Amino acid sequence: MRGAHGLQGRRDRAKWKSFITHLECSETGAHYPADRLATLSETGKPLLVRYDLAAARTRLTREVLATRPAGLWRWRELLPVRHPEDIISLGEMATPLLPLARTSAGVPALVKDEGRLPTGSVKARGFTTAVSVAKAFNVRHLAMSTNGNAGSALAAYASRAGIRATIFCPEDTPDVTVSEIAAQGATVYRVNGVIDDCGGIVANGVTSAGWFDLSTLKEPYRIEGEKTMGFELAEQLGWNLPDVIFYPTGGGTGLIGMWKAFAELEAIGLIDARRPRMVAVQAAGCAPVVRAFEQGAAHAKRWEGACTVAAGIRVPHALGDSLILRTIRESRGFAVAVPDDAIITAQEEVGQKEGVLLCPEGAATFAAWRVALTDGRVKPHELVVLFNCATGLKYPLLPAGIRIDHTAPINYTRFASGR
């Protein structure tokens, strides 16, 4: 049995292939080796993973994909893990596209529900790749700043890998998320500030505490997992893309990653040159990207006094601001901010009419879509995909439930009338 198992292992490794070639500075285009654990470029800008796309084109075909099980790692040729034994997975499946039937007024719209992933959010995509790379490079201690969902994903994947994790979050992070982080094995600290205050602690501890910083875009590997949303979306739509994508945007890895994915899919011959307009959705109480886009700026200045119920997009200053803005403009998209009351109303409406419990960030995309339909930036005939990046169960919900005394006479007509 041992010999047979060894033979099968060799066969599996022979089938495995990542076409990663190098890393590239997103600002200058300078190249860096892929065989070293990387952080930022020499100019302090995010690095992007590059692949031999000509070679991948001969191997990653529609026919080959059709024979592979569903899930994130079926895209292994365009992911940064060279050896299958380094993969840290919790079963990242393809997430469904749910049509909006009762809230769309006949306008074509789909919700891609990332809340179905392990740890209940899109962050599972990024951390299965990032923690796998960390394992491959024998990292022993990971740290990051988070508004919540990324922290719970890092905690879970780091525990799965046997790697220590230390996580810093704003003190008003929902209790359920902080408890989730701790329950999955990480040490979590509440910080009396916002996420970039937490990020400063992590950055300053790289040398003295000896950890590797996995905060948003401080390394190039998380974005590679999140770009698989773009791969998956194209395949689910018959190798076509929607007209418009609305994505809740804080740090920007999902938006940037999907735009990268579409370019890679075209280069290997799986889609044509048509692209969706990419819409960055932010909350009115923290909208640095929207402000920069409307001003025609290349960078987004820090947003002071950030405050919103959509904690996942409460990012006053994103490291990848220029990449986010570049993606919006290259795609001929736009950026839009919605107020908290519209987010809450959208969450209630979609939950009660569609049975889909959006997270606040996902509800923001629904509210933003409604705004864009009203002002004409999106036409009624255009196919729109709204990204729900986490299950709504990870957030505080309003108290509910009508009390009833089973020992007293019950007037059953009240149920028929809905009272």
Protein backbone atom coordinates (compact mmCIF):
# COMPACT_ATOMS: atom_id res chain seq x y z
CA MET A 1 0.00 0.00 0.00
CA ARG A 2 2.81 2.39 0.84
CA GLY A 3 4.38 1.89 -2.57
CA ALA A 4 1.08 2.37 -4.37
CA HIS A 5 0.42 5.53 -2.38
CA GLY A 6 3.86 6.83 -3.28
CA LEU A 7 3.26 6.11 -6.97
CA GLN A 8 -0.08 7.93 -6.88
CA GLY A 9 1.59 10.87 -5.13
CA ARG A 10 4.22 11.08 -7.86
CA ARG A 11 1.47 10.98 -10.51
CA ASP A 12 -0.44 13.78 -8.77
CA ARG A 13 2.70 15.91 -8.58
CA ALA A 14 3.44 15.26 -12.24
CA LYS A 15 -0.03 16.58 -13.15
CA TRP A 16 0.42 19.66 -10.99
CA LYS A 17 1.84 22.75 -12.63
CA SER A 18 1.99 26.40 -11.73
CA PHE A 19 3.23 28.64 -14.53
CA ILE A 20 4.40 31.37 -12.17
CA THR A 21 7.47 33.15 -13.56
CA HIS A 22 8.15 36.29 -11.53
CA LEU A 23 6.70 39.14 -9.49
CA GLU A 24 6.21 42.62 -10.89
CA CYS A 25 5.98 46.03 -9.24
CA SER A 26 2.52 47.44 -9.93
CA GLU A 27 3.93 50.95 -10.24
CA THR A 28 7.27 50.65 -12.08
CA GLY A 29 7.00 47.23 -13.77
CA ALA A 30 10.29 46.11 -12.20
CA HIS A 31 10.69 42.34 -11.94
CA TYR A 32 11.39 40.34 -8.77
CA PRO A 33 12.09 36.62 -8.37
CA ALA A 34 9.17 34.34 -7.57
CA ASP A 35 11.26 31.88 -5.57
CA ARG A 36 11.60 34.24 -2.58
CA LEU A 37 8.92 35.22 -0.06
CA ALA A 38 7.88 38.72 -1.08
CA THR A 39 6.33 41.77 0.51
CA LEU A 40 6.34 45.12 -1.32
CA SER A 41 8.54 46.35 -4.14
CA GLU A 42 11.60 48.49 -3.49
CA THR A 43 9.43 51.56 -4.06
CA GLY A 44 6.91 50.40 -1.42
CA LYS A 45 4.25 49.45 -3.97
CA PRO A 46 2.22 46.22 -4.23
CA LEU A 47 3.70 43.36 -6.23
CA LEU A 48 1.69 41.32 -8.72
CA VAL A 49 2.30 37.67 -9.61
CA ARG A 50 3.02 37.01 -13.28
CA TYR A 51 2.77 33.75 -15.22
CA ASP A 52 3.93 32.19 -18.49
CA LEU A 53 0.55 32.67 -20.13
CA ALA A 54 1.65 31.31 -23.50
CA ALA A 55 2.55 28.01 -21.86
CA ALA A 56 -0.58 28.01 -19.72
CA ARG A 57 -2.67 28.44 -22.88
CA THR A 58 -1.62 24.99 -24.06
CA ARG A 59 -2.59 23.33 -20.80
CA LEU A 60 -5.49 25.18 -19.19
CA THR A 61 -8.26 24.68 -21.75
CA ARG A 62 -12.03 24.50 -21.47
CA GLU A 63 -11.83 20.76 -22.09
CA VAL A 64 -9.31 20.24 -19.30
CA LEU A 65 -11.30 22.38 -16.87
CA ALA A 66 -14.43 20.36 -17.62
CA THR A 67 -12.70 17.23 -16.26
CA ARG A 68 -11.64 18.83 -12.97
CA PRO A 69 -13.62 19.02 -9.74
CA ALA A 70 -15.23 22.36 -8.95
CA GLY A 71 -13.28 24.58 -6.61
CA LEU A 72 -10.58 27.20 -6.44
CA TRP A 73 -7.57 24.92 -6.95
CA ARG A 74 -8.76 23.72 -10.36
CA TRP A 75 -7.08 26.93 -11.61
CA ARG A 76 -3.68 25.76 -10.34
CA GLU A 77 -1.75 26.77 -13.48
CA LEU A 78 -2.50 30.41 -12.67
CA LEU A 79 -1.97 30.23 -8.91
CA PRO A 80 1.33 30.79 -7.06
CA VAL A 81 1.76 27.39 -5.37
CA ARG A 82 4.24 25.09 -7.07
CA HIS A 83 3.68 21.86 -5.12
CA PRO A 84 0.33 20.28 -4.17
CA GLU A 85 1.63 19.17 -0.77
CA ASP A 86 1.88 22.83 0.25
CA ILE A 87 -1.83 23.53 -0.28
CA ILE A 88 -3.79 24.54 2.80
CA SER A 89 -7.46 24.14 1.98
CA LEU A 90 -10.77 24.11 3.80
CA GLY A 91 -12.78 23.12 0.74
CA GLU A 92 -13.13 26.30 -1.31
CA MET A 93 -16.05 25.62 -3.61
CA ALA A 94 -17.56 27.55 -6.51
CA THR A 95 -20.05 30.08 -5.17
CA PRO A 96 -23.51 30.37 -6.77
CA LEU A 97 -24.94 33.10 -8.97
CA LEU A 98 -28.40 33.90 -7.63
CA PRO A 99 -30.85 35.80 -9.86
CA LEU A 100 -32.79 38.60 -8.21
CA ALA A 101 -36.39 37.82 -8.99
CA ARG A 102 -38.54 40.06 -6.75
CA THR A 103 -36.34 43.10 -6.19
CA SER A 104 -35.00 43.76 -9.68
CA ALA A 105 -38.20 44.98 -11.39
CA GLY A 106 -37.38 42.84 -14.40
CA VAL A 107 -33.85 44.20 -14.79
CA PRO A 108 -31.21 41.45 -15.21
CA ALA A 109 -29.17 41.16 -12.02
CA LEU A 110 -27.30 38.35 -10.30
CA VAL A 111 -25.80 38.08 -6.83
CA LYS A 112 -22.58 36.10 -6.51
CA ASP A 113 -22.80 34.82 -2.96
CA GLU A 114 -19.30 34.54 -1.52
CA GLY A 115 -20.79 33.91 1.90
CA ARG A 116 -20.94 30.20 1.01
CA LEU A 117 -17.15 29.85 1.26
CA PRO A 118 -15.25 28.47 4.28
CA THR A 119 -15.23 30.99 7.17
CA GLY A 120 -18.28 32.60 5.54
CA SER A 121 -16.59 35.17 3.32
CA VAL A 122 -14.61 35.88 0.17
CA LYS A 123 -11.48 36.13 2.32
CA ALA A 124 -11.19 32.35 2.25
CA ARG A 125 -10.07 32.64 -1.38
CA GLY A 126 -7.18 34.92 -0.52
CA PHE A 127 -5.99 33.03 2.51
CA THR A 128 -5.97 29.57 0.99
CA THR A 129 -3.34 30.86 -1.46
CA ALA A 130 -1.48 33.19 0.91
CA VAL A 131 -1.17 30.66 3.73
CA SER A 132 -0.19 27.94 1.27
CA VAL A 133 2.66 30.13 0.02
CA ALA A 134 3.63 30.92 3.62
CA LYS A 135 3.79 27.19 4.37
CA ALA A 136 5.92 26.59 1.27
CA PHE A 137 8.41 29.18 2.54
CA ASN A 138 8.36 27.80 6.11
CA VAL A 139 6.81 30.88 7.69
CA ARG A 140 6.17 30.31 11.41
CA HIS A 141 4.22 33.41 12.44
CA LEU A 142 1.67 35.44 10.46
CA ALA A 143 0.10 38.77 11.43
CA MET A 144 -2.34 41.23 9.92
CA SER A 145 -4.76 44.09 10.51
CA THR A 146 -8.42 43.45 9.74
CA ASN A 147 -11.94 44.82 9.98
CA GLY A 148 -13.14 41.28 10.69
CA ASN A 149 -13.62 38.73 7.92
CA ALA A 150 -10.01 38.59 6.80
CA GLY A 151 -9.01 37.95 10.40
CA SER A 152 -11.31 34.97 10.79
CA ALA A 153 -10.07 33.55 7.48
CA LEU A 154 -6.41 33.94 8.44
CA ALA A 155 -7.09 32.36 11.83
CA ALA A 156 -8.70 29.31 10.25
CA TYR A 157 -6.13 28.73 7.52
CA ALA A 158 -3.16 29.40 9.76
CA SER A 159 -4.48 26.88 12.30
CA ARG A 160 -4.97 24.38 9.49
CA ALA A 161 -1.34 24.90 8.50
CA GLY A 162 0.02 24.81 12.05
CA ILE A 163 1.24 28.40 11.76
CA ARG A 164 0.89 30.96 14.55
CA ALA A 165 -1.36 33.96 13.80
CA THR A 166 -1.64 37.33 15.55
CA ILE A 167 -4.44 39.64 14.49
CA PHE A 168 -5.25 43.29 15.24
CA CYS A 169 -8.70 44.78 14.67
CA PRO A 170 -10.51 48.03 15.54
CA GLU A 171 -12.12 47.88 18.96
CA ASP A 172 -15.63 48.22 17.51
CA THR A 173 -15.25 45.10 15.35
CA PRO A 174 -18.38 42.94 15.88
CA ASP A 175 -18.02 40.63 18.89
CA VAL A 176 -19.07 37.60 16.84
CA THR A 177 -16.13 38.12 14.49
CA VAL A 178 -13.59 38.68 17.25
CA SER A 179 -14.83 35.52 18.97
CA GLU A 180 -14.62 33.63 15.67
CA ILE A 181 -11.00 34.68 15.23
CA ALA A 182 -10.10 33.49 18.72
CA ALA A 183 -12.10 30.26 18.39
CA GLN A 184 -10.09 29.36 15.29
CA GLY A 185 -6.78 29.63 17.07
CA ALA A 186 -5.40 33.12 16.53
CA THR A 187 -4.44 35.67 19.15
CA VAL A 188 -6.61 38.73 18.55
CA TYR A 189 -6.20 42.26 19.87
CA ARG A 190 -8.70 45.13 19.80
CA VAL A 191 -7.08 48.48 18.96
CA ASN A 192 -8.54 51.90 19.84
CA GLY A 193 -8.46 53.11 16.26
CA VAL A 194 -9.36 52.20 12.67
CA ILE A 195 -7.79 49.59 10.41
CA ASP A 196 -4.79 51.63 9.32
CA ASP A 197 -3.93 52.21 12.98
CA CYS A 198 -3.94 48.43 13.33
CA GLY A 199 -1.84 48.17 10.19
CA GLY A 200 0.79 50.44 11.68
CA ILE A 201 1.19 48.09 14.64
CA VAL A 202 1.61 45.11 12.34
CA ALA A 203 4.12 46.88 10.07
CA ASN A 204 6.20 47.99 13.03
CA GLY A 205 6.29 44.48 14.44
CA VAL A 206 7.70 42.72 11.39
CA THR A 207 11.27 43.02 12.65
CA SER A 208 10.79 43.03 16.42
CA ALA A 209 8.04 40.40 16.64
CA GLY A 210 9.31 38.31 13.72
CA TRP A 211 6.02 37.84 11.91
CA PHE A 212 5.15 38.00 8.22
CA ASP A 213 2.65 40.75 7.41
CA LEU A 214 -0.40 39.47 5.49
CA SER A 215 -2.30 42.77 5.60
CA THR A 216 -4.05 43.79 2.39
CA LEU A 217 -1.63 44.05 -0.56
CA LYS A 218 1.43 44.01 1.72
CA GLU A 219 2.22 40.76 -0.11
CA PRO A 220 1.25 39.49 -3.58
CA TYR A 221 -0.41 36.16 -2.77
CA ARG A 222 -3.86 36.99 -1.35
CA ILE A 223 -4.92 38.74 -4.53
CA GLU A 224 -4.19 35.57 -6.48
CA GLY A 225 -6.82 33.66 -4.54
CA GLU A 226 -9.38 36.45 -4.82
CA LYS A 227 -8.90 36.79 -8.56
CA THR A 228 -10.48 33.34 -8.94
CA MET A 229 -13.83 35.09 -8.56
CA GLY A 230 -13.20 36.40 -12.07
CA PHE A 231 -12.23 32.97 -13.42
CA GLU A 232 -15.31 31.41 -11.86
CA LEU A 233 -17.68 34.11 -13.03
CA ALA A 234 -16.55 33.79 -16.64
CA GLU A 235 -17.01 30.02 -16.62
CA GLN A 236 -20.43 30.24 -14.95
CA LEU A 237 -21.62 32.66 -17.65
CA GLY A 238 -20.52 30.38 -20.50
CA TRP A 239 -17.16 32.13 -20.97
CA ASN A 240 -18.79 35.51 -21.21
CA LEU A 241 -18.70 38.40 -18.76
CA PRO A 242 -21.48 40.63 -17.45
CA ASP A 243 -21.89 44.22 -18.54
CA VAL A 244 -21.25 45.65 -15.08
CA ILE A 245 -19.76 44.36 -11.81
CA PHE A 246 -20.53 46.09 -8.52
CA TYR A 247 -17.94 45.24 -5.87
CA PRO A 248 -17.68 46.52 -2.28
CA THR A 249 -14.30 48.18 -2.09
CA GLY A 250 -12.13 48.76 0.94
CA GLY A 251 -8.61 47.45 0.36
CA GLY A 252 -9.52 46.57 -3.22
CA THR A 253 -8.08 43.07 -3.63
CA GLY A 254 -11.27 41.65 -5.13
CA LEU A 255 -11.73 44.40 -7.69
CA ILE A 256 -8.05 44.45 -8.68
CA GLY A 257 -7.86 40.68 -8.69
CA MET A 258 -10.81 40.15 -11.01
CA TRP A 259 -9.48 42.70 -13.49
CA LYS A 260 -6.19 40.80 -13.48
CA ALA A 261 -8.06 37.51 -13.94
CA PHE A 262 -9.90 38.75 -17.03
CA ALA A 263 -6.61 39.73 -18.70
CA GLU A 264 -5.16 36.30 -17.94
CA LEU A 265 -8.25 34.50 -19.25
CA GLU A 266 -8.05 36.43 -22.52
CA ALA A 267 -4.33 35.71 -22.87
CA ILE A 268 -4.90 31.96 -22.57
CA GLY A 269 -7.82 32.03 -25.00
CA LEU A 270 -10.76 31.35 -22.68
CA ILE A 271 -12.55 34.69 -23.22
CA ASP A 272 -12.46 37.49 -25.76
CA ALA A 273 -11.51 41.14 -25.25
CA ARG A 274 -14.89 42.33 -23.96
CA ARG A 275 -14.82 43.49 -20.36
CA PRO A 276 -17.37 44.54 -17.74
CA ARG A 277 -17.41 48.02 -16.29
CA MET A 278 -15.99 47.70 -12.78
CA VAL A 279 -17.80 49.71 -10.11
CA ALA A 280 -16.15 50.36 -6.75
CA VAL A 281 -18.82 50.64 -4.07
CA GLN A 282 -18.06 52.47 -0.84
CA ALA A 283 -20.03 53.83 2.11
CA ALA A 284 -20.72 57.55 2.31
CA GLY A 285 -19.00 57.60 5.70
CA CYS A 286 -15.73 56.28 4.22
CA ALA A 287 -15.35 56.96 0.51
CA PRO A 288 -11.75 57.88 -0.34
CA VAL A 289 -11.80 56.07 -3.69
CA VAL A 290 -15.07 57.71 -4.75
CA ARG A 291 -13.69 61.14 -3.90
CA ALA A 292 -10.45 60.50 -5.78
CA PHE A 293 -12.29 59.13 -8.81
CA GLU A 294 -14.60 62.13 -8.99
CA GLN A 295 -11.63 64.50 -8.65
CA GLY A 296 -9.70 62.74 -11.40
CA ALA A 297 -6.87 61.96 -8.97
CA ALA A 298 -4.40 59.08 -9.37
CA HIS A 299 -4.28 58.43 -5.62
CA ALA A 300 -6.86 58.56 -2.85
CA LYS A 301 -6.14 60.75 0.16
CA ARG A 302 -6.87 59.37 3.61
CA TRP A 303 -10.50 59.70 4.70
CA GLU A 304 -10.76 61.27 8.13
CA GLY A 305 -13.47 60.27 10.61
CA ALA A 306 -14.38 57.02 8.83
CA CYS A 307 -17.70 55.65 10.07
CA THR A 308 -20.12 53.13 8.53
CA VAL A 309 -22.15 50.03 9.38
CA ALA A 310 -20.32 48.27 6.54
CA ALA A 311 -17.15 47.57 8.52
CA GLY A 312 -15.49 45.60 5.73
CA ILE A 313 -15.22 48.69 3.53
CA ARG A 314 -14.22 51.07 6.31
CA VAL A 315 -10.69 51.54 4.99
CA PRO A 316 -9.61 55.20 5.25
CA HIS A 317 -6.50 54.75 3.10
CA ALA A 318 -5.91 51.71 0.90
CA LEU A 319 -2.37 50.74 -0.06
CA GLY A 320 -3.68 49.72 -3.49
CA ASP A 321 -5.55 52.99 -4.13
CA SER A 322 -3.85 53.64 -7.46
CA LEU A 323 -4.56 50.08 -8.63
CA ILE A 324 -8.23 50.44 -7.70
CA LEU A 325 -8.53 53.72 -9.57
CA ARG A 326 -6.64 52.31 -12.56
CA THR A 327 -9.02 49.34 -12.71
CA ILE A 328 -12.10 51.56 -12.61
CA ARG A 329 -10.82 53.84 -15.36
CA GLU A 330 -9.45 51.12 -17.64
CA SER A 331 -12.82 49.37 -17.48
CA ARG A 332 -14.76 52.61 -18.10
CA GLY A 333 -16.46 52.01 -14.77
CA PHE A 334 -17.13 54.36 -11.89
CA ALA A 335 -17.12 54.66 -8.11
CA VAL A 336 -20.19 55.29 -6.01
CA ALA A 337 -20.87 55.87 -2.32
CA VAL A 338 -24.12 55.03 -0.56
CA PRO A 339 -25.31 56.14 2.90
CA ASP A 340 -25.79 53.73 5.78
CA ASP A 341 -29.58 54.06 5.76
CA ALA A 342 -29.65 52.88 2.14
CA ILE A 343 -27.39 49.95 3.04
CA ILE A 344 -29.67 48.90 5.89
CA THR A 345 -32.79 49.25 3.72
CA ALA A 346 -31.20 47.17 0.96
CA GLN A 347 -30.23 44.44 3.40
CA GLU A 348 -33.79 44.25 4.73
CA GLU A 349 -35.39 44.33 1.28
CA VAL A 350 -33.25 41.61 -0.27
CA GLY A 351 -33.52 39.43 2.82
CA GLN A 352 -37.29 39.70 3.06
CA LYS A 353 -38.09 39.46 -0.65
CA GLU A 354 -35.31 37.23 -2.01
CA GLY A 355 -34.35 35.12 1.01
CA VAL A 356 -30.72 36.18 0.63
CA LEU A 357 -29.16 37.62 3.78
CA LEU A 358 -26.60 40.05 2.41
CA CYS A 359 -23.77 41.35 4.54
CA PRO A 360 -23.75 45.17 4.85
CA GLU A 361 -21.03 45.42 2.19
CA GLY A 362 -23.06 43.25 -0.19
CA ALA A 363 -26.15 45.32 0.57
CA ALA A 364 -24.13 48.40 -0.39
CA THR A 365 -23.70 46.99 -3.92
CA PHE A 366 -27.48 46.55 -4.23
CA ALA A 367 -28.07 50.12 -3.06
CA ALA A 368 -25.39 51.41 -5.44
CA TRP A 369 -26.92 49.52 -8.36
CA ARG A 370 -30.28 51.15 -7.65
CA VAL A 371 -28.60 54.57 -7.66
CA ALA A 372 -26.85 53.83 -10.97
CA LEU A 373 -30.09 52.65 -12.57
CA THR A 374 -31.80 55.86 -11.49
CA ASP A 375 -29.10 58.21 -12.77
CA GLY A 376 -28.53 56.28 -16.00
CA ARG A 377 -24.99 55.04 -15.43
CA VAL A 378 -26.38 51.52 -15.80
CA LYS A 379 -29.02 50.78 -18.40
CA PRO A 380 -32.03 48.53 -17.67
CA HIS A 381 -30.98 45.97 -20.28
CA GLU A 382 -27.43 45.52 -18.94
CA LEU A 383 -26.55 42.34 -17.05
CA VAL A 384 -25.21 43.24 -13.63
CA VAL A 385 -23.42 41.09 -11.05
CA LEU A 386 -23.48 42.22 -7.43
CA PHE A 387 -20.94 40.66 -5.10
CA ASN A 388 -22.05 39.64 -1.63
CA CYS A 389 -18.70 39.14 0.06
CA ALA A 390 -19.84 37.47 3.29
CA THR A 391 -22.80 35.88 4.96
CA GLY A 392 -24.97 38.35 6.83
CA LEU A 393 -24.84 36.03 9.83
CA LYS A 394 -21.37 37.37 10.64
CA TYR A 395 -22.81 40.78 11.55
CA PRO A 396 -25.08 42.05 14.32
CA LEU A 397 -28.75 41.66 13.43
CA LEU A 398 -31.73 43.61 14.72
CA PRO A 399 -33.67 42.05 17.63
CA ALA A 400 -36.62 40.07 16.32
CA GLY A 401 -39.39 37.71 17.36
CA ILE A 402 -42.87 38.44 18.72
CA ARG A 403 -43.39 36.99 22.19
CA ILE A 404 -46.36 34.74 22.82
CA ASP A 405 -47.63 33.14 26.05
CA HIS A 406 -48.51 29.51 25.46
CA THR A 407 -50.41 29.34 28.79
CA ALA A 408 -52.92 32.02 27.76
CA PRO A 409 -55.76 31.69 25.22
CA ILE A 410 -54.44 32.23 21.70
CA ASN A 411 -56.39 34.20 19.13
CA TYR A 412 -55.49 32.36 15.93
CA THR A 413 -57.05 34.98 13.68
CA ARG A 414 -54.03 37.15 14.37
CA PHE A 415 -51.87 34.71 12.38
CA ALA A 416 -54.20 34.80 9.40
CA SER A 417 -54.07 38.58 9.31
CA GLY A 418 -50.31 38.70 9.82
CA ARG A 419 -50.47 40.54 13.18
